Amino acid sequence: MKQLGNLALVCANRSDVLLQIQRGTVCFSIGMGTQMETISLAWDDDEKITALVRELNFGRYQNTENGGYTHD
């Protein structure tokens, strides 16, 4: 639960990310059209949310110079 705020802050600064929280589930989408990826996590799963924040900042979902993200 503590990491949910960190995820919200990271997502708020990204135009290519949609974050929704409903009924105890965090739904995170990144990309557009057929390139969109969606991940669902429990809202209180700090370990997985921390890993997602790390990927957004430094890993496969980090912003690139052209405003997109690195996609494997």
Foldseek 3Di string as FASTA:
>chain_A
DVLLVVLVVLQVVAPQWDWDDDDQKIWIWGDDDPPIDIDIDGSPPNVVSVVVSCCCPPNQNDADPVRGGHHD
